[in-house]
């Protein structure tokens, strides 16, 4: 199933998405900036299941998805969650 990730980060030079689907590799899935408006996006094929993720802005700042509910990561931060089923994807 394809899942589109979008983040508004107008001052960012680089944005990636890291999560359980890529072993939290902050270099594996870099988003593409759409024009000069500060909108970054990527579409990834994810397997079925529940996936935690966060955006990594400029290689340093981990940001939960403001459009998705989050859960405590056990280290004092929040991760976003997306559930992928045969019928589509939804944030939890």
N, C-alpha and C. Protein backbone atom coordinates (compact mmCIF):
# COMPACT_ATOMS: atom_id res chain seq x y z
N UNK A 1 0.84 -1.17 0.00
CA UNK A 1 0.00 0.00 0.00
C UNK A 1 0.89 1.24 0.00
N UNK A 2 0.52 2.22 -0.79
CA UNK A 2 1.28 3.46 -0.86
C UNK A 2 0.75 4.47 0.16
N UNK A 3 1.68 5.10 0.87
CA UNK A 3 1.34 6.09 1.89
C UNK A 3 2.09 7.38 1.56
N UNK A 4 1.35 8.48 1.54
CA UNK A 4 1.97 9.78 1.25
C UNK A 4 2.20 10.51 2.57
N UNK A 5 3.44 10.94 2.77
CA UNK A 5 3.82 11.71 3.94
C UNK A 5 4.03 13.16 3.50
N UNK A 6 3.50 14.10 4.27
CA UNK A 6 3.60 15.52 3.93
C UNK A 6 3.95 16.30 5.19
N UNK A 7 4.87 17.24 5.06
CA UNK A 7 5.23 18.11 6.19
C UNK A 7 5.42 19.52 5.68
N UNK A 8 4.87 20.48 6.42
CA UNK A 8 5.11 21.89 6.14
C UNK A 8 6.29 22.32 6.99
N UNK A 9 7.41 22.61 6.33
CA UNK A 9 8.64 23.03 7.02
C UNK A 9 9.34 24.06 6.15
N UNK A 10 8.85 25.32 6.17
CA UNK A 10 9.35 26.32 5.23
C UNK A 10 10.82 26.67 5.36
N UNK A 11 11.40 26.57 6.54
CA UNK A 11 12.81 26.93 6.70
C UNK A 11 13.77 25.77 6.54
N UNK A 12 13.24 24.59 6.27
CA UNK A 12 14.09 23.39 6.21
C UNK A 12 14.91 23.34 4.93
N UNK A 13 16.10 22.78 5.07
CA UNK A 13 16.95 22.52 3.91
C UNK A 13 16.82 21.08 3.46
N UNK A 14 16.39 20.21 4.39
CA UNK A 14 16.27 18.78 4.11
C UNK A 14 15.26 18.19 5.09
N UNK A 15 14.41 17.29 4.59
CA UNK A 15 13.45 16.59 5.44
C UNK A 15 13.44 15.12 5.04
N UNK A 16 13.41 14.25 6.02
CA UNK A 16 13.30 12.81 5.79
C UNK A 16 12.22 12.27 6.71
N UNK A 17 11.77 11.06 6.41
CA UNK A 17 10.86 10.37 7.31
C UNK A 17 11.54 9.07 7.73
N UNK A 18 11.55 8.85 9.04
CA UNK A 18 12.17 7.65 9.60
C UNK A 18 11.14 6.96 10.47
N UNK A 19 11.17 5.63 10.44
CA UNK A 19 10.19 4.90 11.24
C UNK A 19 10.50 3.42 11.31
N UNK A 20 9.55 2.71 11.87
CA UNK A 20 9.72 1.27 12.01
C UNK A 20 9.80 0.58 10.65
N UNK A 21 9.28 1.22 9.61
CA UNK A 21 9.30 0.63 8.26
C UNK A 21 10.66 0.73 7.59
N UNK A 22 11.58 1.55 8.13
CA UNK A 22 12.94 1.63 7.56
C UNK A 22 14.01 1.61 8.65
N UNK A 23 13.68 0.95 9.77
CA UNK A 23 14.61 0.80 10.89
C UNK A 23 15.12 2.15 11.41
N UNK A 24 14.25 3.15 11.37
CA UNK A 24 14.55 4.49 11.87
C UNK A 24 15.78 5.11 11.19
N UNK A 25 16.02 4.74 9.94
CA UNK A 25 17.14 5.29 9.18
C UNK A 25 16.76 6.69 8.67
N UNK A 26 17.39 7.70 9.21
CA UNK A 26 17.02 9.07 8.86
C UNK A 26 17.50 9.50 7.47
N UNK A 27 18.20 8.63 6.77
CA UNK A 27 18.65 8.94 5.41
C UNK A 27 17.95 8.10 4.34
N UNK A 28 17.11 7.17 4.75
CA UNK A 28 16.52 6.22 3.80
C UNK A 28 15.39 6.80 2.97
N UNK A 29 14.65 7.77 3.50
CA UNK A 29 13.47 8.28 2.80
C UNK A 29 13.42 9.80 2.88
N UNK A 30 14.09 10.44 1.94
CA UNK A 30 14.12 11.91 1.93
C UNK A 30 12.93 12.46 1.15
N UNK A 31 12.29 13.44 1.74
CA UNK A 31 11.16 14.08 1.11
C UNK A 31 11.64 15.08 0.06
N UNK A 32 10.74 15.41 -0.87
CA UNK A 32 11.02 16.36 -1.94
C UNK A 32 10.23 17.63 -1.66
N UNK A 33 10.89 18.77 -1.81
CA UNK A 33 10.21 20.06 -1.60
C UNK A 33 9.34 20.37 -2.82
N UNK A 34 8.11 20.76 -2.56
CA UNK A 34 7.20 21.16 -3.64
C UNK A 34 7.23 22.68 -3.76
N UNK A 35 7.93 23.19 -4.73
CA UNK A 35 8.00 24.63 -4.95
C UNK A 35 8.69 25.35 -3.80
N UNK A 36 8.32 26.61 -3.61
CA UNK A 36 8.95 27.44 -2.59
C UNK A 36 8.05 27.64 -1.37
N UNK A 37 6.98 26.88 -1.27
CA UNK A 37 6.00 27.09 -0.20
C UNK A 37 6.36 26.38 1.10
N UNK A 38 7.42 25.59 1.12
CA UNK A 38 7.80 24.89 2.34
C UNK A 38 7.09 23.58 2.57
N UNK A 39 6.44 23.06 1.54
CA UNK A 39 5.75 21.77 1.66
C UNK A 39 6.68 20.68 1.13
N UNK A 40 6.89 19.66 1.95
CA UNK A 40 7.75 18.53 1.62
C UNK A 40 6.89 17.28 1.56
N UNK A 41 7.19 16.37 0.62
CA UNK A 41 6.38 15.17 0.47
C UNK A 41 7.18 13.99 -0.05
N UNK A 42 6.68 12.81 0.25
CA UNK A 42 7.21 11.56 -0.29
C UNK A 42 6.09 10.53 -0.24
N UNK A 43 6.07 9.62 -1.20
CA UNK A 43 5.13 8.51 -1.19
C UNK A 43 5.94 7.23 -1.10
N UNK A 44 5.61 6.41 -0.10
CA UNK A 44 6.34 5.16 0.15
C UNK A 44 5.40 3.97 0.10
N UNK A 45 5.90 2.85 -0.40
CA UNK A 45 5.16 1.59 -0.34
C UNK A 45 5.46 0.96 1.02
N UNK A 46 4.43 0.80 1.83
CA UNK A 46 4.60 0.22 3.17
C UNK A 46 3.85 -1.09 3.27
N UNK A 47 4.41 -2.05 3.99
CA UNK A 47 3.71 -3.32 4.21
C UNK A 47 2.54 -3.11 5.18
N UNK A 48 1.63 -4.05 5.17
CA UNK A 48 0.51 -3.98 6.10
C UNK A 48 1.02 -4.04 7.53
N UNK A 49 0.33 -3.33 8.40
CA UNK A 49 0.70 -3.32 9.81
C UNK A 49 0.67 -1.91 10.35
N UNK A 50 1.02 -1.78 11.61
CA UNK A 50 1.06 -0.49 12.28
C UNK A 50 2.51 -0.01 12.31
N UNK A 51 2.73 1.22 11.85
CA UNK A 51 4.08 1.76 11.75
C UNK A 51 4.19 3.07 12.52
N UNK A 52 5.23 3.18 13.35
CA UNK A 52 5.54 4.44 14.01
C UNK A 52 6.55 5.19 13.14
N UNK A 53 6.47 6.52 13.18
CA UNK A 53 7.40 7.31 12.37
C UNK A 53 7.50 8.73 12.91
N UNK A 54 8.50 9.45 12.43
CA UNK A 54 8.68 10.88 12.70
C UNK A 54 9.46 11.47 11.53
N UNK A 55 9.31 12.76 11.35
CA UNK A 55 10.10 13.47 10.35
C UNK A 55 11.41 13.91 10.97
N UNK A 56 12.46 13.93 10.15
CA UNK A 56 13.77 14.40 10.60
C UNK A 56 14.10 15.63 9.76
N UNK A 57 14.13 16.78 10.41
CA UNK A 57 14.35 18.05 9.73
C UNK A 57 15.82 18.45 9.86
N UNK A 58 16.44 18.67 8.72
CA UNK A 58 17.85 19.08 8.64
C UNK A 58 18.78 18.13 9.39
N UNK A 59 18.43 16.86 9.42
CA UNK A 59 19.29 15.83 10.00
C UNK A 59 19.41 15.87 11.51
N UNK A 60 18.68 16.76 12.18
CA UNK A 60 18.84 16.92 13.62
C UNK A 60 17.54 16.91 14.41
N UNK A 61 16.53 17.58 13.92
CA UNK A 61 15.31 17.78 14.69
C UNK A 61 14.25 16.74 14.30
N UNK A 62 13.86 15.92 15.27
CA UNK A 62 12.83 14.89 15.06
C UNK A 62 11.48 15.50 15.38
N UNK A 63 10.57 15.44 14.40
CA UNK A 63 9.28 16.11 14.50
C UNK A 63 8.16 15.11 14.24
N UNK A 64 7.21 14.96 15.17
CA UNK A 64 6.06 14.10 14.87
C UNK A 64 5.20 14.75 13.78
N UNK A 65 4.44 13.95 13.10
CA UNK A 65 3.56 14.43 12.04
C UNK A 65 2.43 15.24 12.68
N UNK A 66 2.33 16.55 12.39
CA UNK A 66 1.26 17.34 13.02
C UNK A 66 -0.13 16.96 12.53
N UNK A 67 -0.22 16.21 11.43
CA UNK A 67 -1.52 15.80 10.89
C UNK A 67 -1.95 14.43 11.40
N UNK A 68 -1.15 13.82 12.26
CA UNK A 68 -1.46 12.47 12.74
C UNK A 68 -1.34 12.41 14.26
N UNK A 69 -2.21 11.64 14.90
CA UNK A 69 -2.06 11.44 16.34
C UNK A 69 -0.74 10.75 16.66
N UNK A 70 -0.25 10.97 17.85
CA UNK A 70 1.02 10.37 18.24
C UNK A 70 0.91 9.53 19.49
N UNK A 71 1.98 8.78 19.73
CA UNK A 71 2.08 7.98 20.94
C UNK A 71 3.44 8.24 21.57
N UNK A 72 3.54 8.00 22.85
CA UNK A 72 4.80 8.17 23.56
C UNK A 72 5.80 7.14 23.06
N UNK A 73 7.03 7.58 22.79
CA UNK A 73 8.04 6.64 22.28
C UNK A 73 8.84 5.96 23.38
N UNK A 74 8.54 6.29 24.65
CA UNK A 74 9.26 5.69 25.76
C UNK A 74 10.53 6.43 26.13
N UNK A 75 10.87 7.47 25.36
CA UNK A 75 12.07 8.26 25.62
C UNK A 75 11.75 9.74 25.80
N UNK A 76 10.49 10.04 26.09
CA UNK A 76 10.08 11.42 26.31
C UNK A 76 9.68 12.18 25.07
N UNK A 77 9.57 11.51 23.95
CA UNK A 77 9.15 12.14 22.70
C UNK A 77 7.88 11.47 22.21
N UNK A 78 7.34 11.99 21.10
CA UNK A 78 6.14 11.41 20.51
C UNK A 78 6.47 10.93 19.10
N UNK A 79 5.91 9.79 18.75
CA UNK A 79 5.98 9.27 17.39
C UNK A 79 4.58 9.29 16.81
N UNK A 80 4.48 9.49 15.52
CA UNK A 80 3.21 9.38 14.83
C UNK A 80 3.00 7.93 14.45
N UNK A 81 1.75 7.57 14.19
CA UNK A 81 1.43 6.18 13.87
C UNK A 81 0.52 6.14 12.64
N UNK A 82 0.84 5.25 11.71
CA UNK A 82 -0.02 4.99 10.57
C UNK A 82 -0.29 3.49 10.52
N UNK A 83 -1.55 3.14 10.27
CA UNK A 83 -1.95 1.74 10.13
C UNK A 83 -2.23 1.46 8.66
N UNK A 84 -1.57 0.46 8.12
CA UNK A 84 -1.74 0.08 6.72
C UNK A 84 -2.48 -1.25 6.67
N UNK A 85 -3.61 -1.26 5.95
CA UNK A 85 -4.39 -2.49 5.78
C UNK A 85 -4.57 -2.74 4.29
N UNK A 86 -5.21 -3.83 3.96
CA UNK A 86 -5.49 -4.13 2.56
C UNK A 86 -6.44 -3.10 1.95
N UNK A 87 -7.15 -2.36 2.81
CA UNK A 87 -8.13 -1.38 2.34
C UNK A 87 -7.58 0.04 2.29
N UNK A 88 -6.35 0.24 2.73
CA UNK A 88 -5.76 1.58 2.71
C UNK A 88 -4.95 1.86 3.95
N UNK A 89 -4.63 3.13 4.15
CA UNK A 89 -3.83 3.54 5.30
C UNK A 89 -4.60 4.61 6.06
N UNK A 90 -4.41 4.62 7.38
CA UNK A 90 -5.01 5.67 8.19
C UNK A 90 -4.10 5.94 9.38
N UNK A 91 -4.13 7.18 9.83
CA UNK A 91 -3.35 7.52 11.01
C UNK A 91 -4.12 7.12 12.24
N UNK A 92 -3.38 6.80 13.29
CA UNK A 92 -4.02 6.37 14.54
C UNK A 92 -3.84 7.43 15.60
